[in-house]
């Protein structure tokens, strides 16, 4: 059975990510930063929509700490 490129792409990505030292690759770090930035903007937007619900501010704080710990 022949595998197409679409079927092997996720397997190739996970093989790359799980390889030792891959977390230092600039493309991987850019993807992580983009995901954290998107999560940040979603949480800010939800905090705005809920008129300052304290839960979203706590989630924002946790997200920022997690982002800082990943960057450190």
N, C-alpha and C. Protein backbone atom coordinates (compact mmCIF):
# COMPACT_ATOMS: atom_id res chain seq x y z
N UNK A 1 0.85 -1.17 0.00
CA UNK A 1 0.00 0.00 0.00
C UNK A 1 0.90 1.24 0.00
N UNK A 2 0.66 2.14 -0.91
CA UNK A 2 1.46 3.35 -1.02
C UNK A 2 0.89 4.43 -0.11
N UNK A 3 1.78 5.13 0.56
CA UNK A 3 1.34 6.24 1.40
C UNK A 3 1.49 7.53 0.63
N UNK A 4 0.52 8.39 0.80
CA UNK A 4 0.61 9.69 0.15
C UNK A 4 1.36 10.66 1.04
N UNK A 5 1.68 11.79 0.49
CA UNK A 5 2.42 12.79 1.25
C UNK A 5 1.58 13.34 2.40
N UNK A 6 0.27 13.44 2.21
CA UNK A 6 -0.61 13.94 3.26
C UNK A 6 -0.65 13.00 4.46
N UNK A 7 -0.61 11.70 4.20
CA UNK A 7 -0.65 10.74 5.30
C UNK A 7 0.66 10.70 6.06
N UNK A 8 1.78 10.93 5.38
CA UNK A 8 3.07 10.83 6.04
C UNK A 8 3.52 12.16 6.66
N UNK A 9 2.86 13.24 6.32
CA UNK A 9 3.27 14.55 6.86
C UNK A 9 3.12 14.62 8.37
N UNK A 10 1.98 14.21 8.97
CA UNK A 10 1.89 14.25 10.43
C UNK A 10 2.90 13.33 11.10
N UNK A 11 3.12 12.17 10.53
CA UNK A 11 4.09 11.24 11.11
C UNK A 11 5.50 11.83 11.03
N UNK A 12 5.81 12.51 9.94
CA UNK A 12 7.11 13.15 9.80
C UNK A 12 7.28 14.30 10.78
N UNK A 13 6.20 15.04 11.00
CA UNK A 13 6.27 16.15 11.95
C UNK A 13 6.52 15.64 13.36
N UNK A 14 5.76 14.61 13.76
CA UNK A 14 5.94 14.08 15.11
C UNK A 14 7.29 13.40 15.27
N UNK A 15 7.79 12.78 14.22
CA UNK A 15 9.12 12.18 14.29
C UNK A 15 10.17 13.27 14.48
N UNK A 16 9.97 14.42 13.82
CA UNK A 16 10.91 15.52 13.97
C UNK A 16 10.85 16.13 15.37
N UNK A 17 9.62 16.33 15.87
CA UNK A 17 9.44 16.97 17.18
C UNK A 17 9.97 16.09 18.30
N UNK A 18 9.81 14.79 18.17
CA UNK A 18 10.23 13.88 19.22
C UNK A 18 11.71 13.53 19.16
N UNK A 19 12.40 14.02 18.14
CA UNK A 19 13.84 13.79 18.03
C UNK A 19 14.57 14.68 19.03
N UNK A 20 15.56 14.15 19.75
CA UNK A 20 16.29 14.98 20.72
C UNK A 20 16.92 16.21 20.06
N UNK A 21 16.76 17.35 20.69
CA UNK A 21 17.33 18.59 20.19
C UNK A 21 16.43 19.35 19.23
N UNK A 22 15.28 18.80 18.88
CA UNK A 22 14.41 19.47 17.91
C UNK A 22 13.76 20.72 18.48
N UNK A 23 13.68 20.80 19.81
CA UNK A 23 13.03 21.97 20.41
C UNK A 23 13.88 23.24 20.25
N UNK A 24 15.11 23.11 19.81
CA UNK A 24 15.96 24.28 19.59
C UNK A 24 15.91 24.75 18.14
N UNK A 25 15.18 24.05 17.29
CA UNK A 25 15.08 24.43 15.87
C UNK A 25 14.27 25.72 15.75
N UNK A 26 14.75 26.69 14.98
CA UNK A 26 14.05 27.98 14.89
C UNK A 26 12.62 27.87 14.37
N UNK A 27 12.35 26.94 13.46
CA UNK A 27 10.99 26.79 12.94
C UNK A 27 10.06 26.28 14.03
N UNK A 28 10.53 25.38 14.86
CA UNK A 28 9.73 24.86 15.96
C UNK A 28 9.45 25.96 16.98
N UNK A 29 10.47 26.75 17.31
CA UNK A 29 10.28 27.84 18.28
C UNK A 29 9.31 28.88 17.75
N UNK A 30 9.35 29.15 16.44
CA UNK A 30 8.41 30.09 15.84
C UNK A 30 6.98 29.56 15.93
N UNK A 31 6.80 28.27 15.68
CA UNK A 31 5.46 27.67 15.78
C UNK A 31 4.94 27.74 17.21
N UNK A 32 5.80 27.48 18.19
CA UNK A 32 5.40 27.55 19.60
C UNK A 32 5.01 28.99 19.96
N UNK A 33 5.79 29.96 19.53
CA UNK A 33 5.48 31.36 19.82
C UNK A 33 4.17 31.78 19.17
N UNK A 34 3.93 31.33 17.95
CA UNK A 34 2.67 31.66 17.27
C UNK A 34 1.47 31.07 18.00
N UNK A 35 1.60 29.85 18.48
CA UNK A 35 0.51 29.21 19.23
C UNK A 35 0.24 29.94 20.54
N UNK A 36 1.29 30.30 21.26
CA UNK A 36 1.10 31.03 22.52
C UNK A 36 0.52 32.42 22.26
N UNK A 37 0.95 33.08 21.20
CA UNK A 37 0.40 34.40 20.87
C UNK A 37 -1.07 34.30 20.51
N UNK A 38 -1.44 33.28 19.75
CA UNK A 38 -2.85 33.10 19.38
C UNK A 38 -3.69 32.84 20.63
N UNK A 39 -3.19 32.00 21.53
CA UNK A 39 -3.90 31.73 22.77
C UNK A 39 -4.04 33.00 23.60
N UNK A 40 -2.99 33.81 23.65
CA UNK A 40 -3.03 35.07 24.39
C UNK A 40 -4.13 35.98 23.85
N UNK A 41 -4.19 36.14 22.53
CA UNK A 41 -5.18 37.03 21.94
C UNK A 41 -6.60 36.49 22.12
N UNK A 42 -6.76 35.17 22.08
CA UNK A 42 -8.08 34.59 22.33
C UNK A 42 -8.51 34.87 23.77
N UNK A 43 -7.62 34.69 24.72
CA UNK A 43 -7.97 34.94 26.11
C UNK A 43 -8.24 36.42 26.38
N UNK A 44 -7.47 37.30 25.76
CA UNK A 44 -7.73 38.75 25.91
C UNK A 44 -9.10 39.09 25.33
N UNK A 45 -9.42 38.52 24.16
CA UNK A 45 -10.71 38.79 23.53
C UNK A 45 -11.86 38.26 24.40
N UNK A 46 -11.68 37.08 24.97
CA UNK A 46 -12.71 36.53 25.84
C UNK A 46 -12.86 37.34 27.12
N UNK A 47 -11.76 37.84 27.65
CA UNK A 47 -11.85 38.70 28.83
C UNK A 47 -12.61 39.98 28.49
N UNK A 48 -12.39 40.51 27.30
CA UNK A 48 -13.12 41.70 26.87
C UNK A 48 -14.61 41.41 26.69
N UNK A 49 -14.92 40.28 26.05
CA UNK A 49 -16.32 39.93 25.80
C UNK A 49 -17.09 39.67 27.09
N UNK A 50 -16.42 39.15 28.09
CA UNK A 50 -17.10 38.84 29.36
C UNK A 50 -17.03 40.01 30.34
N UNK A 51 -16.57 41.15 29.85
CA UNK A 51 -16.49 42.38 30.67
C UNK A 51 -15.61 42.20 31.89
N UNK A 52 -14.44 41.58 31.67
CA UNK A 52 -13.45 41.47 32.72
C UNK A 52 -13.65 40.33 33.69
N UNK A 53 -14.11 39.20 33.21
CA UNK A 53 -14.26 38.03 34.07
C UNK A 53 -12.90 37.64 34.64
N UNK A 54 -12.82 37.50 35.94
CA UNK A 54 -11.55 37.24 36.62
C UNK A 54 -10.93 35.92 36.17
N UNK A 55 -11.74 34.96 35.78
CA UNK A 55 -11.21 33.67 35.37
C UNK A 55 -10.31 33.80 34.14
N UNK A 56 -10.67 34.67 33.21
CA UNK A 56 -9.84 34.83 32.01
C UNK A 56 -8.53 35.54 32.34
N UNK A 57 -8.56 36.42 33.32
CA UNK A 57 -7.31 37.07 33.72
C UNK A 57 -6.38 36.07 34.42
N UNK A 58 -6.94 35.17 35.16
CA UNK A 58 -6.13 34.12 35.78
C UNK A 58 -5.56 33.20 34.72
N UNK A 59 -6.38 32.83 33.74
CA UNK A 59 -5.89 32.01 32.64
C UNK A 59 -4.81 32.73 31.83
N UNK A 60 -4.97 34.04 31.65
CA UNK A 60 -3.94 34.83 30.97
C UNK A 60 -2.63 34.79 31.74
N UNK A 61 -2.72 34.93 33.04
CA UNK A 61 -1.52 34.89 33.88
C UNK A 61 -0.83 33.53 33.79
N UNK A 62 -1.62 32.46 33.84
CA UNK A 62 -1.05 31.11 33.73
C UNK A 62 -0.42 30.91 32.35
N UNK A 63 -1.09 31.40 31.31
CA UNK A 63 -0.56 31.26 29.95
C UNK A 63 0.75 32.02 29.80
N UNK A 64 0.84 33.21 30.35
CA UNK A 64 2.07 33.99 30.26
C UNK A 64 3.21 33.33 31.03
N UNK A 65 2.90 32.76 32.18
CA UNK A 65 3.93 32.04 32.93
C UNK A 65 4.41 30.80 32.18
N UNK A 66 3.48 30.09 31.57
CA UNK A 66 3.87 28.92 30.79
C UNK A 66 4.71 29.32 29.59
N UNK A 67 4.33 30.39 28.91
CA UNK A 67 5.10 30.87 27.76
C UNK A 67 6.50 31.28 28.20
N UNK A 68 6.59 31.97 29.33
CA UNK A 68 7.91 32.38 29.84
C UNK A 68 8.76 31.17 30.22
N UNK A 69 8.14 30.16 30.80
CA UNK A 69 8.91 28.97 31.18
C UNK A 69 9.39 28.20 29.97
N UNK A 70 8.61 28.20 28.91
CA UNK A 70 9.05 27.53 27.67
C UNK A 70 10.19 28.31 27.02
N UNK A 71 10.10 29.62 27.03
CA UNK A 71 11.17 30.44 26.44
C UNK A 71 12.45 30.41 27.25
N UNK A 72 12.33 30.21 28.54
CA UNK A 72 13.49 30.19 29.42
C UNK A 72 14.23 28.90 29.23
